Amino acid sequence: MSAPAASSPAGGSVLAFDVGGTDMKAALQDGSGKFHSLLRMPTPRDPARPGDAVVKEVAALAQRYTRDYPQVSVQALGLVVPGLVDEGTGTGLFSANLGWRDYPFAQRLREETGLPVAFGHDVGLAGEAEMRLGAGQGLRDAVVLIIGTGIAGAVFCDGRRVRGGGYAGEIGHAAVPTGTLCACGAHGCLETVGSAGAIVRRYTERTGRAAAGAKEVLHAAHNGDADAAGVWADAVEGLADGICHLAAVLGTEAVILGGGLSQAGSDLTGPLRRAVDSRLSFHRRPGIRVSVLGQDAGLMGAALHARGLTGQPL
């Protein structure tokens, strides 16, 4: 792949990193907003030092990008992570899936790379990117709901993202009737039934047969597997419960689905719309949309946040 120009009318280049519960993505974004050398790899894990494992990998990748593109001036680095975060201090407060508590990501990355570091919540910044550049354009009251290993949302009211001190948007940890014991320690969390990870786990528990992913469970349901169909239906019902809570409390005008499960398309959106409609009465009925930015939403959010440090936005 050809290297991006060292400068462009829109400014210089930034590095973007999106750490997920299963995979981590990285890319260099040039001044026009184009991604280069997009990489995807398993999220680095170290039970004893989970935050350090991520910082070590990000710093190594940053060094690799600067080596591979010596003519490019990288101006800043953007990192997004799951869980509870304090974007103001650059701290990962807690991640149930990845294991860190009160880890100073921004400080450690500045020390390791020498670059200005923008740090934020993966879903929060993916949501900001989706609202600015994707399916949320023109909306003021919306929730960007990312469904993958877990479930989390970016909540927008009157055009602003609701942060709640880092606690807002943890929709995957809202209780639903069919939820079970969660890794966070609570019982009944939505992501124990409605996430892609839960679909795989629950199918395996029912059948004793391992599935490679939620897509395989959906394929089995299409082929007449009653257990697969039941697990999929349970996920849809749980998600509908969660969306109806959002409609009742926030008056949400649209829910934008992202993450791996959104790739199911009409197999998800069709039954989900019907389930939501059947539960609501006088409420504003939220539209169900699918992310335009897709799997790149988190990276784009990280890049946009990094550009905020340079004074050269897209």
C-alpha atoms as a PDB file:
ATOM      1  CA  MET A   1       0.000   0.000   0.000  1.00  0.00           C
ATOM      2  CA  SER A   2       1.328   3.435  -0.886  1.00  0.00           C
ATOM      3  CA  ALA A   3       2.219   5.774   1.934  1.00  0.00           C
ATOM      4  CA  PRO A   4       0.003   8.774   2.631  1.00  0.00           C
ATOM      5  CA  ALA A   5       1.336  12.183   1.802  1.00  0.00           C
ATOM      6  CA  ALA A   6       3.256  13.935   4.552  1.00  0.00           C
ATOM      7  CA  SER A   7       0.739  16.761   4.487  1.00  0.00           C
ATOM      8  CA  SER A   8      -2.640  17.524   2.972  1.00  0.00           C
ATOM      9  CA  PRO A   9      -5.165  20.348   2.941  1.00  0.00           C
ATOM     10  CA  ALA A  10      -6.905  18.715   5.911  1.00  0.00           C
ATOM     11  CA  GLY A  11      -3.769  18.474   8.045  1.00  0.00           C
ATOM     12  CA  GLY A  12      -1.321  15.789   9.121  1.00  0.00           C
ATOM     13  CA  SER A  13      -1.644  12.155  10.114  1.00  0.00           C
ATOM     14  CA  VAL A  14      -2.786  10.519  13.346  1.00  0.00           C
ATOM     15  CA  LEU A  15      -2.698   6.971  14.693  1.00  0.00           C
ATOM     16  CA  ALA A  16      -5.922   5.304  15.813  1.00  0.00           C
ATOM     17  CA  PHE A  17      -6.336   2.256  18.063  1.00  0.00           C
ATOM     18  CA  ASP A  18      -9.601   0.506  18.973  1.00  0.00           C
ATOM     19  CA  VAL A  19      -9.301  -2.071  21.761  1.00  0.00           C
ATOM     20  CA  GLY A  20     -12.229  -4.498  21.927  1.00  0.00           C
ATOM     21  CA  GLY A  21     -13.119  -7.402  24.159  1.00  0.00           C
ATOM     22  CA  THR A  22     -11.857  -9.878  21.557  1.00  0.00           C
ATOM     23  CA  ASP A  23      -9.879  -8.000  18.893  1.00  0.00           C
ATOM     24  CA  MET A  24      -7.813  -4.843  18.637  1.00  0.00           C
ATOM     25  CA  LYS A  25      -7.664  -2.674  15.497  1.00  0.00           C
ATOM     26  CA  ALA A  26      -5.085  -0.115  14.464  1.00  0.00           C
ATOM     27  CA  ALA A  27      -4.597   2.246  11.534  1.00  0.00           C
ATOM     28  CA  LEU A  28      -2.831   5.368  10.358  1.00  0.00           C
ATOM     29  CA  GLN A  29      -5.213   8.073   9.154  1.00  0.00           C
ATOM     30  CA  ASP A  30      -3.937  10.686   6.727  1.00  0.00           C
ATOM     31  CA  GLY A  31      -5.028  14.298   6.588  1.00  0.00           C
ATOM     32  CA  SER A  32      -7.908  13.557   4.221  1.00  0.00           C
ATOM     33  CA  GLY A  33      -9.436  11.019   6.618  1.00  0.00           C
ATOM     34  CA  LYS A  34      -8.319   7.917   4.717  1.00  0.00           C
ATOM     35  CA  PHE A  35      -7.090   4.932   6.744  1.00  0.00           C
ATOM     36  CA  HIS A  36      -3.856   3.183   5.786  1.00  0.00           C
ATOM     37  CA  SER A  37      -2.379  -0.162   6.861  1.00  0.00           C
ATOM     38  CA  LEU A  38      -5.397  -1.197   8.914  1.00  0.00           C
ATOM     39  CA  LEU A  39      -4.411  -4.049  11.228  1.00  0.00           C
ATOM     40  CA  ARG A  40      -6.536  -6.425  13.285  1.00  0.00           C
ATOM     41  CA  MET A  41      -5.205  -8.764  15.958  1.00  0.00           C
ATOM     42  CA  PRO A  42      -6.323 -10.471  19.185  1.00  0.00           C
ATOM     43  CA  THR A  43      -6.552  -8.056  22.089  1.00  0.00           C
ATOM     44  CA  PRO A  44      -3.369  -8.521  24.159  1.00  0.00           C
ATOM     45  CA  ARG A  45      -4.032 -10.017  27.574  1.00  0.00           C
ATOM     46  CA  ASP A  46      -2.059 -10.363  30.772  1.00  0.00           C
ATOM     47  CA  PRO A  47      -4.183 -11.220  33.835  1.00  0.00           C
ATOM     48  CA  ALA A  48      -1.579  -9.737  36.158  1.00  0.00           C
ATOM     49  CA  ARG A  49      -1.044  -6.477  34.183  1.00  0.00           C
ATOM     50  CA  PRO A  50      -3.931  -6.062  31.724  1.00  0.00           C
ATOM     51  CA  GLY A  51      -3.439  -2.347  31.102  1.00  0.00           C
ATOM     52  CA  ASP A  52       0.300  -2.707  30.565  1.00  0.00           C
ATOM     53  CA  ALA A  53      -0.324  -5.434  27.981  1.00  0.00           C
ATOM     54  CA  VAL A  54      -2.417  -3.036  25.879  1.00  0.00           C
ATOM     55  CA  VAL A  55       0.016  -0.130  26.235  1.00  0.00           C
ATOM     56  CA  LYS A  56       2.964  -2.316  25.254  1.00  0.00           C
ATOM     57  CA  GLU A  57       1.206  -3.481  22.074  1.00  0.00           C
ATOM     58  CA  VAL A  58      -0.010  -0.001  21.115  1.00  0.00           C
ATOM     59  CA  ALA A  59       3.455   1.492  21.626  1.00  0.00           C
ATOM     60  CA  ALA A  60       5.032  -1.252  19.494  1.00  0.00           C
ATOM     61  CA  LEU A  61       2.506  -0.649  16.716  1.00  0.00           C
ATOM     62  CA  ALA A  62       3.054   3.112  16.866  1.00  0.00           C
ATOM     63  CA  GLN A  63       6.765   2.497  16.401  1.00  0.00           C
ATOM     64  CA  ARG A  64       6.008   0.195  13.473  1.00  0.00           C
ATOM     65  CA  TYR A  65       3.853   2.803  11.729  1.00  0.00           C
ATOM     66  CA  THR A  66       6.480   5.518  12.101  1.00  0.00           C
ATOM     67  CA  ARG A  67       9.092   3.111  10.737  1.00  0.00           C
ATOM     68  CA  ASP A  68       6.940   2.053   7.778  1.00  0.00           C
ATOM     69  CA  TYR A  69       5.954   5.654   6.921  1.00  0.00           C
ATOM     70  CA  PRO A  70       9.121   7.668   7.618  1.00  0.00           C
ATOM     71  CA  GLN A  71       7.975  10.577   5.426  1.00  0.00           C
ATOM     72  CA  VAL A  72       4.797  11.080   7.487  1.00  0.00           C
ATOM     73  CA  SER A  73       4.646  13.320  10.537  1.00  0.00           C
ATOM     74  CA  VAL A  74       2.354  11.631  13.058  1.00  0.00           C
ATOM     75  CA  GLN A  75       0.834  14.390  15.168  1.00  0.00           C
ATOM     76  CA  ALA A  76      -1.210  12.509  17.780  1.00  0.00           C
ATOM     77  CA  LEU A  77      -2.505   9.128  18.871  1.00  0.00           C
ATOM     78  CA  GLY A  78      -6.094   8.168  19.671  1.00  0.00           C
ATOM     79  CA  LEU A  79      -6.985   5.151  21.819  1.00  0.00           C
ATOM     80  CA  VAL A  80     -10.446   3.860  22.685  1.00  0.00           C
ATOM     81  CA  VAL A  81     -11.134   1.054  25.168  1.00  0.00           C
ATOM     82  CA  PRO A  82     -14.231  -0.682  26.589  1.00  0.00           C
ATOM     83  CA  GLY A  83     -15.587  -0.527  30.122  1.00  0.00           C
ATOM     84  CA  LEU A  84     -15.861   2.482  32.411  1.00  0.00           C
ATOM     85  CA  VAL A  85     -13.523   5.334  31.543  1.00  0.00           C
ATOM     86  CA  ASP A  86     -12.685   8.827  32.711  1.00  0.00           C
ATOM     87  CA  GLU A  87     -11.949  10.649  29.472  1.00  0.00           C
ATOM     88  CA  GLY A  88     -10.863  13.780  31.324  1.00  0.00           C
ATOM     89  CA  THR A  89      -7.988  12.068  33.143  1.00  0.00           C
ATOM     90  CA  GLY A  90      -7.302   9.420  30.490  1.00  0.00           C
ATOM     91  CA  THR A  91      -8.050   6.584  32.907  1.00  0.00           C
ATOM     92  CA  GLY A  92      -9.610   3.178  32.335  1.00  0.00           C
ATOM     93  CA  LEU A  93     -11.691   2.886  35.507  1.00  0.00           C
ATOM     94  CA  PHE A  94     -12.924  -0.688  35.093  1.00  0.00           C
ATOM     95  CA  SER A  95     -13.323  -3.376  32.449  1.00  0.00           C
ATOM     96  CA  ALA A  96     -15.196  -6.534  33.426  1.00  0.00           C
ATOM     97  CA  ASN A  97     -14.038  -8.370  30.302  1.00  0.00           C
ATOM     98  CA  LEU A  98     -10.395  -7.243  30.174  1.00  0.00           C
ATOM     99  CA  GLY A  99      -9.654  -6.854  33.861  1.00  0.00           C
ATOM    100  CA  TRP A 100      -8.118  -3.451  34.522  1.00  0.00           C
ATOM    101  CA  ARG A 101      -9.028  -0.980  37.249  1.00  0.00           C
ATOM    102  CA  ASP A 102      -7.960   2.673  37.482  1.00  0.00           C
ATOM    103  CA  TYR A 103      -5.297   2.335  34.797  1.00  0.00           C
ATOM    104  CA  PRO A 104      -3.713   5.594  33.465  1.00  0.00           C
ATOM    105  CA  PHE A 105      -3.763   4.778  29.741  1.00  0.00           C
ATOM    106  CA  ALA A 106      -3.151   8.297  28.416  1.00  0.00           C
ATOM    107  CA  GLN A 107      -0.237   8.982  30.754  1.00  0.00           C
ATOM    108  CA  ARG A 108       1.455   5.653  30.069  1.00  0.00           C
ATOM    109  CA  LEU A 109       1.101   6.017  26.300  1.00  0.00           C
ATOM    110  CA  ARG A 110       2.486   9.550  26.349  1.00  0.00           C
ATOM    111  CA  GLU A 111       5.482   8.206  28.226  1.00  0.00           C
ATOM    112  CA  GLU A 112       5.954   5.286  25.822  1.00  0.00           C
ATOM    113  CA  THR A 113       5.398   7.096  22.506  1.00  0.00           C
ATOM    114  CA  GLY A 114       6.149  10.766  23.123  1.00  0.00           C
ATOM    115  CA  LEU A 115       2.928  11.660  21.289  1.00  0.00           C
ATOM    116  CA  PRO A 116      -0.115  13.624  22.435  1.00  0.00           C
ATOM    117  CA  VAL A 117      -2.737  11.020  23.390  1.00  0.00           C
ATOM    118  CA  ALA A 118      -6.518  11.263  23.082  1.00  0.00           C
ATOM    119  CA  PHE A 119      -8.266   8.622  25.169  1.00  0.00           C
ATOM    120  CA  GLY A 120     -11.903   7.656  25.343  1.00  0.00           C
ATOM    121  CA  HIS A 121     -14.637   5.074  25.590  1.00  0.00           C
ATOM    122  CA  ASP A 122     -14.793   2.812  22.550  1.00  0.00           C
ATOM    123  CA  VAL A 123     -18.549   3.007  22.133  1.00  0.00           C
ATOM    124  CA  GLY A 124     -18.798   6.660  23.151  1.00  0.00           C
ATOM    125  CA  LEU A 125     -16.351   7.805  20.501  1.00  0.00           C
ATOM    126  CA  ALA A 126     -17.668   5.337  17.922  1.00  0.00           C
ATOM    127  CA  GLY A 127     -21.052   6.909  18.594  1.00  0.00           C
ATOM    128  CA  GLU A 128     -19.714  10.422  18.101  1.00  0.00           C
ATOM    129  CA  ALA A 129     -18.230   9.359  14.765  1.00  0.00           C
ATOM    130  CA  GLU A 130     -21.508   7.708  13.720  1.00  0.00           C
ATOM    131  CA  MET A 131     -23.512  10.793  14.638  1.00  0.00           C
ATOM    132  CA  ARG A 132     -21.159  13.103  12.771  1.00  0.00           C
ATOM    133  CA  LEU A 133     -20.324  11.032   9.694  1.00  0.00           C
ATOM    134  CA  GLY A 134     -22.673   8.030   9.601  1.00  0.00           C
ATOM    135  CA  ALA A 135     -26.229   6.868  10.243  1.00  0.00           C
ATOM    136  CA  GLY A 136     -26.827   9.437  12.976  1.00  0.00           C
ATOM    137  CA  GLN A 137     -26.432  12.525  10.805  1.00  0.00           C
ATOM    138  CA  GLY A 138     -29.367  14.863  11.393  1.00  0.00           C
ATOM    139  CA  LEU A 139     -30.458  13.172  14.642  1.00  0.00           C
ATOM    140  CA  ARG A 140     -30.459  14.802  18.076  1.00  0.00           C
ATOM    141  CA  ASP A 141     -31.905  12.057  20.307  1.00  0.00           C
ATOM    142  CA  ALA A 142     -30.325   8.716  19.480  1.00  0.00           C
ATOM    143  CA  VAL A 143     -28.490   5.757  20.946  1.00  0.00           C
ATOM    144  CA  VAL A 144     -25.640   4.043  19.121  1.00  0.00           C
ATOM    145  CA  LEU A 145     -25.793   0.473  20.427  1.00  0.00           C
ATOM    146  CA  ILE A 146     -22.693  -1.646  19.824  1.00  0.00           C
ATOM    147  CA  ILE A 147     -23.357  -5.384  20.110  1.00  0.00           C
ATOM    148  CA  GLY A 148     -20.308  -7.622  20.091  1.00  0.00           C
ATOM    149  CA  THR A 149     -18.569  -9.548  22.857  1.00  0.00           C
ATOM    150  CA  GLY A 150     -20.624  -7.359  25.190  1.00  0.00           C
ATOM    151  CA  ILE A 151     -23.146  -4.558  24.735  1.00  0.00           C
ATOM    152  CA  ALA A 152     -22.700  -0.846  25.331  1.00  0.00           C
ATOM    153  CA  GLY A 153     -24.271   2.336  24.032  1.00  0.00           C
ATOM    154  CA  ALA A 154     -23.494   5.948  23.307  1.00  0.00           C
ATOM    155  CA  VAL A 155     -26.477   8.050  24.386  1.00  0.00           C
ATOM    156  CA  PHE A 156     -27.207  11.370  22.684  1.00  0.00           C
ATOM    157  CA  CYS A 157     -29.841  13.773  24.000  1.00  0.00           C
ATOM    158  CA  ASP A 158     -30.513  17.138  22.364  1.00  0.00           C
ATOM    159  CA  GLY A 159     -27.425  16.636  20.217  1.00  0.00           C
ATOM    160  CA  ARG A 160     -24.994  16.007  23.089  1.00  0.00           C
ATOM    161  CA  ARG A 161     -23.430  12.783  24.286  1.00  0.00           C
ATOM    162  CA  VAL A 162     -24.492  11.922  27.827  1.00  0.00           C
ATOM    163  CA  ARG A 163     -21.352  10.950  29.767  1.00  0.00           C
ATOM    164  CA  GLY A 164     -22.568  10.533  33.341  1.00  0.00           C
ATOM    165  CA  GLY A 165     -19.050  10.708  34.709  1.00  0.00           C
ATOM    166  CA  GLY A 166     -18.087   7.732  32.533  1.00  0.00           C
ATOM    167  CA  TYR A 167     -21.001   5.569  33.679  1.00  0.00           C
ATOM    168  CA  ALA A 168     -23.616   6.455  31.053  1.00  0.00           C
ATOM    169  CA  GLY A 169     -24.358   4.053  28.222  1.00  0.00           C
ATOM    170  CA  GLU A 170     -23.657   0.751  29.979  1.00  0.00           C
ATOM    171  CA  ILE A 171     -26.866  -0.660  28.546  1.00  0.00           C
ATOM    172  CA  GLY A 172     -25.432  -4.169  28.461  1.00  0.00           C
ATOM    173  CA  HIS A 173     -25.494  -4.137  32.251  1.00  0.00           C
ATOM    174  CA  ALA A 174     -29.137  -3.098  32.551  1.00  0.00           C
ATOM    175  CA  ALA A 175     -31.327  -5.895  33.908  1.00  0.00           C
ATOM    176  CA  VAL A 176     -33.729  -7.772  31.623  1.00  0.00           C
ATOM    177  CA  PRO A 177     -36.050 -10.649  32.627  1.00  0.00           C
ATOM    178  CA  THR A 178     -34.087 -13.349  30.771  1.00  0.00           C
ATOM    179  CA  GLY A 179     -30.612 -12.223  31.847  1.00  0.00           C
ATOM    180  CA  THR A 180     -28.319 -14.459  33.887  1.00  0.00           C
ATOM    181  CA  LEU A 181     -25.189 -14.096  36.045  1.00  0.00           C
ATOM    182  CA  CYS A 182     -22.780 -11.620  34.440  1.00  0.00           C
ATOM    183  CA  ALA A 183     -18.994 -11.331  34.603  1.00  0.00           C
ATOM    184  CA  CYS A 184     -19.524  -7.930  36.255  1.00  0.00           C
ATOM    185  CA  GLY A 185     -20.978  -9.704  39.303  1.00  0.00           C
ATOM    186  CA  ALA A 186     -24.609  -8.686  38.795  1.00  0.00           C
ATOM    187  CA  HIS A 187     -27.478 -10.944  37.740  1.00  0.00           C
ATOM    188  CA  GLY A 188     -29.796 -10.301  34.794  1.00  0.00           C
ATOM    189  CA  CYS A 189     -27.566  -8.131  32.594  1.00  0.00           C
ATOM    190  CA  LEU A 190     -28.732  -7.688  28.994  1.00  0.00           C
ATOM    191  CA  GLU A 191     -25.388  -8.741  27.563  1.00  0.00           C
ATOM    192  CA  THR A 192     -25.743 -12.202  29.143  1.00  0.00           C
ATOM    193  CA  VAL A 193     -28.528 -12.912  26.651  1.00  0.00           C
ATOM    194  CA  GLY A 194     -28.376 -10.314  23.857  1.00  0.00           C
ATOM    195  CA  SER A 195     -24.690 -10.061  22.924  1.00  0.00           C
ATOM    196  CA  ALA A 196     -22.913 -12.026  20.212  1.00  0.00           C
ATOM    197  CA  GLY A 197     -20.817 -13.655  22.918  1.00  0.00           C
ATOM    198  CA  ALA A 198     -23.930 -14.707  24.835  1.00  0.00           C
ATOM    199  CA  ILE A 199     -25.518 -16.207  21.719  1.00  0.00           C
ATOM    200  CA  VAL A 200     -22.509 -18.475  21.218  1.00  0.00           C
ATOM    201  CA  ARG A 201     -22.269 -19.391  24.906  1.00  0.00           C
ATOM    202  CA  ARG A 202     -25.968 -20.134  25.330  1.00  0.00           C
ATOM    203  CA  TYR A 203     -26.088 -22.239  22.168  1.00  0.00           C
ATOM    204  CA  THR A 204     -23.142 -24.310  23.388  1.00  0.00           C
ATOM    205  CA  GLU A 205     -24.775 -24.728  26.807  1.00  0.00           C
ATOM    206  CA  ARG A 206     -28.003 -25.933  25.215  1.00  0.00           C
ATOM    207  CA  THR A 207     -26.503 -28.321  22.688  1.00  0.00           C
ATOM    208  CA  GLY A 208     -23.017 -29.231  23.854  1.00  0.00           C
ATOM    209  CA  ARG A 209     -21.807 -28.154  20.392  1.00  0.00           C
ATOM    210  CA  ALA A 210     -19.336 -25.310  20.034  1.00  0.00           C
ATOM    211  CA  ALA A 211     -20.098 -22.535  17.540  1.00  0.00           C
ATOM    212  CA  ALA A 212     -17.449 -20.352  15.929  1.00  0.00           C
ATOM    213  CA  GLY A 213     -19.598 -17.250  16.321  1.00  0.00           C
ATOM    214  CA  ALA A 214     -23.108 -15.813  16.380  1.00  0.00           C
ATOM    215  CA  LYS A 215     -23.158 -15.966  12.572  1.00  0.00           C
ATOM    216  CA  GLU A 216     -22.839 -19.753  12.754  1.00  0.00           C
ATOM    217  CA  VAL A 217     -25.717 -19.927  15.246  1.00  0.00           C
ATOM    218  CA  LEU A 218     -27.885 -17.833  12.918  1.00  0.00           C
ATOM    219  CA  HIS A 219     -26.961 -20.092   9.989  1.00  0.00           C
ATOM    220  CA  ALA A 220     -27.988 -23.119  12.059  1.00  0.00           C
ATOM    221  CA  ALA A 221     -31.313 -21.443  12.856  1.00  0.00           C
ATOM    222  CA  HIS A 222     -31.940 -20.911   9.135  1.00  0.00           C
ATOM    223  CA  ASN A 223     -31.285 -24.619   8.612  1.00  0.00           C
ATOM    224  CA  GLY A 224     -33.964 -25.668  11.082  1.00  0.00           C
ATOM    225  CA  ASP A 225     -31.959 -25.979  14.309  1.00  0.00           C
ATOM    226  CA  ALA A 226     -34.591 -25.286  16.984  1.00  0.00           C
ATOM    227  CA  ASP A 227     -31.997 -24.628  19.688  1.00  0.00           C
ATOM    228  CA  ALA A 228     -30.258 -22.042  17.520  1.00  0.00           C
ATOM    229  CA  ALA A 229     -33.580 -20.403  16.671  1.00  0.00           C
ATOM    230  CA  GLY A 230     -34.495 -20.263  20.353  1.00  0.00           C
ATOM    231  CA  VAL A 231     -31.198 -18.682  21.361  1.00  0.00           C
ATOM    232  CA  TRP A 232     -31.507 -16.093  18.574  1.00  0.00           C
ATOM    233  CA  ALA A 233     -35.099 -15.283  19.545  1.00  0.00           C
ATOM    234  CA  ASP A 234     -34.088 -14.862  23.197  1.00  0.00           C
ATOM    235  CA  ALA A 235     -31.372 -12.405  22.146  1.00  0.00           C
ATOM    236  CA  VAL A 236     -33.851 -10.367  20.113  1.00  0.00           C
ATOM    237  CA  GLU A 237     -36.345 -10.297  22.998  1.00  0.00           C
ATOM    238  CA  GLY A 238     -33.680  -9.140  25.433  1.00  0.00           C
ATOM    239  CA  LEU A 239     -32.506  -6.399  23.081  1.00  0.00           C
ATOM    240  CA  ALA A 240     -36.102  -5.275  22.569  1.00  0.00           C
ATOM    241  CA  ASP A 241     -36.557  -4.968  26.338  1.00  0.00           C
ATOM    242  CA  GLY A 242     -33.448  -2.795  26.553  1.00  0.00           C
ATOM    243  CA  ILE A 243     -34.471  -0.566  23.645  1.00  0.00           C
ATOM    244  CA  CYS A 244     -37.937  -0.063  25.117  1.00  0.00           C
ATOM    245  CA  HIS A 245     -36.382   1.128  28.373  1.00  0.00           C
ATOM    246  CA  LEU A 246     -34.417   3.689  26.343  1.00  0.00           C
ATOM    247  CA  ALA A 247     -37.557   4.827  24.550  1.00  0.00           C
ATOM    248  CA  ALA A 248     -39.448   5.259  27.827  1.00  0.00           C
ATOM    249  CA  VAL A 249     -36.698   7.106  29.695  1.00  0.00           C
ATOM    250  CA  LEU A 250     -35.021   9.126  26.934  1.00  0.00           C
ATOM    251  CA  GLY A 251     -37.568   9.529  24.157  1.00  0.00           C
ATOM    252  CA  THR A 252     -34.993   8.145  21.747  1.00  0.00           C
ATOM    253  CA  GLU A 253     -35.854   8.762  18.092  1.00  0.00           C
ATOM    254  CA  ALA A 254     -33.481   6.132  16.681  1.00  0.00           C
ATOM    255  CA  VAL A 255     -31.280   3.268  17.811  1.00  0.00           C
ATOM    256  CA  ILE A 256     -28.274   2.689  15.563  1.00  0.00           C
ATOM    257  CA  LEU A 257     -26.934  -0.859  15.743  1.00  0.00           C
ATOM    258  CA  GLY A 258     -23.212  -1.466  15.385  1.00  0.00           C
ATOM    259  CA  GLY A 259     -20.728  -4.177  16.270  1.00  0.00           C
ATOM    260  CA  GLY A 260     -20.482  -7.688  14.917  1.00  0.00           C
ATOM    261  CA  LEU A 261     -24.107  -8.656  15.524  1.00  0.00           C
ATOM    262  CA  SER A 262     -25.387  -5.776  13.379  1.00  0.00           C
ATOM    263  CA  GLN A 263     -23.970  -7.593  10.354  1.00  0.00           C
ATOM    264  CA  ALA A 264     -26.928  -9.971  10.624  1.00  0.00           C
ATOM    265  CA  GLY A 265     -28.934  -7.266   8.843  1.00  0.00           C
ATOM    266  CA  SER A 266     -32.650  -7.953   8.449  1.00  0.00           C
ATOM    267  CA  ASP A 267     -32.363 -11.189  10.457  1.00  0.00           C
ATOM    268  CA  LEU A 268     -31.806  -8.880  13.420  1.00  0.00           C
ATOM    269  CA  THR A 269     -33.512  -5.616  12.514  1.00  0.00           C
ATOM    270  CA  GLY A 270     -36.777  -7.184  11.295  1.00  0.00           C
ATOM    271  CA  PRO A 271     -37.724  -9.180  14.402  1.00  0.00           C
ATOM    272  CA  LEU A 272     -36.243  -6.475  16.641  1.00  0.00           C
ATOM    273  CA  ARG A 273     -38.492  -3.779  15.141  1.00  0.00           C
ATOM    274  CA  ARG A 274     -41.537  -6.007  15.602  1.00  0.00           C
ATOM    275  CA  ALA A 275     -40.615  -6.857  19.189  1.00  0.00           C
ATOM    276  CA  VAL A 276     -40.039  -3.196  20.087  1.00  0.00           C
ATOM    277  CA  ASP A 277     -43.286  -2.065  18.451  1.00  0.00           C
ATOM    278  CA  SER A 278     -45.270  -4.727  20.304  1.00  0.00           C
ATOM    279  CA  ARG A 279     -44.045  -3.429  23.672  1.00  0.00           C
ATOM    280  CA  LEU A 280     -44.647   0.312  23.240  1.00  0.00           C
ATOM    281  CA  SER A 281     -47.914   2.228  23.526  1.00  0.00           C
ATOM    282  CA  PHE A 282     -47.872   6.052  23.608  1.00  0.00           C
ATOM    283  CA  HIS A 283     -44.078   6.269  23.457  1.00  0.00           C
ATOM    284  CA  ARG A 284     -41.984   7.733  20.694  1.00  0.00           C
ATOM    285  CA  ARG A 285     -41.174   4.708  18.557  1.00  0.00           C
ATOM    286  CA  PRO A 286     -37.459   4.628  17.861  1.00  0.00           C
ATOM    287  CA  GLY A 287     -36.332   3.767  14.369  1.00  0.00           C
ATOM    288  CA  ILE A 288     -33.883   0.866  14.121  1.00  0.00           C
ATOM    289  CA  ARG A 289     -30.916   1.678  11.886  1.00  0.00           C
ATOM    290  CA  VAL A 290     -27.658  -0.083  11.102  1.00  0.00           C
ATOM    291  CA  SER A 291     -24.314   1.679  11.435  1.00  0.00           C
ATOM    292  CA  VAL A 292     -22.862   3.188   8.256  1.00  0.00           C
ATOM    293  CA  LEU A 293     -19.292   3.233   9.590  1.00  0.00           C
ATOM    294  CA  GLY A 294     -19.549  -0.406  10.660  1.00  0.00           C
ATOM    295  CA  GLN A 295     -16.441  -2.003  12.117  1.00  0.00           C
ATOM    296  CA  ASP A 296     -14.421   1.197  11.553  1.00  0.00           C
ATOM    297  CA  ALA A 297     -16.587   3.380  13.823  1.00  0.00           C
ATOM    298  CA  GLY A 298     -14.316   2.980  16.849  1.00  0.00           C
ATOM    299  CA  LEU A 299     -11.190   3.702  14.819  1.00  0.00           C
ATOM    300  CA  MET A 300     -12.822   6.759  13.284  1.00  0.00           C
ATOM    301  CA  GLY A 301     -13.851   7.972  16.724  1.00  0.00           C
ATOM    302  CA  ALA A 302     -10.299   7.523  18.021  1.00  0.00           C
ATOM    303  CA  ALA A 303      -8.900   9.384  15.010  1.00  0.00           C
ATOM    304  CA  LEU A 304     -11.378  12.269  15.312  1.00  0.00           C
ATOM    305  CA  HIS A 305     -10.570  12.578  19.012  1.00  0.00           C
ATOM    306  CA  ALA A 306      -6.839  12.610  18.254  1.00  0.00           C
ATOM    307  CA  ARG A 307      -7.370  15.345  15.674  1.00  0.00           C
ATOM    308  CA  GLY A 308      -8.995  17.412  18.381  1.00  0.00           C
ATOM    309  CA  LEU A 309      -5.546  17.666  19.981  1.00  0.00           C
ATOM    310  CA  THR A 310      -3.903  18.920  16.785  1.00  0.00           C
ATOM    311  CA  GLY A 311      -6.223  21.795  15.944  1.00  0.00           C
ATOM    312  CA  GLN A 312      -6.682  20.279  12.471  1.00  0.00           C
ATOM    313  CA  PRO A 313     -10.065  18.506  12.401  1.00  0.00           C
ATOM    314  CA  LEU A 314     -11.399  16.741   9.313  1.00  0.00           C
END
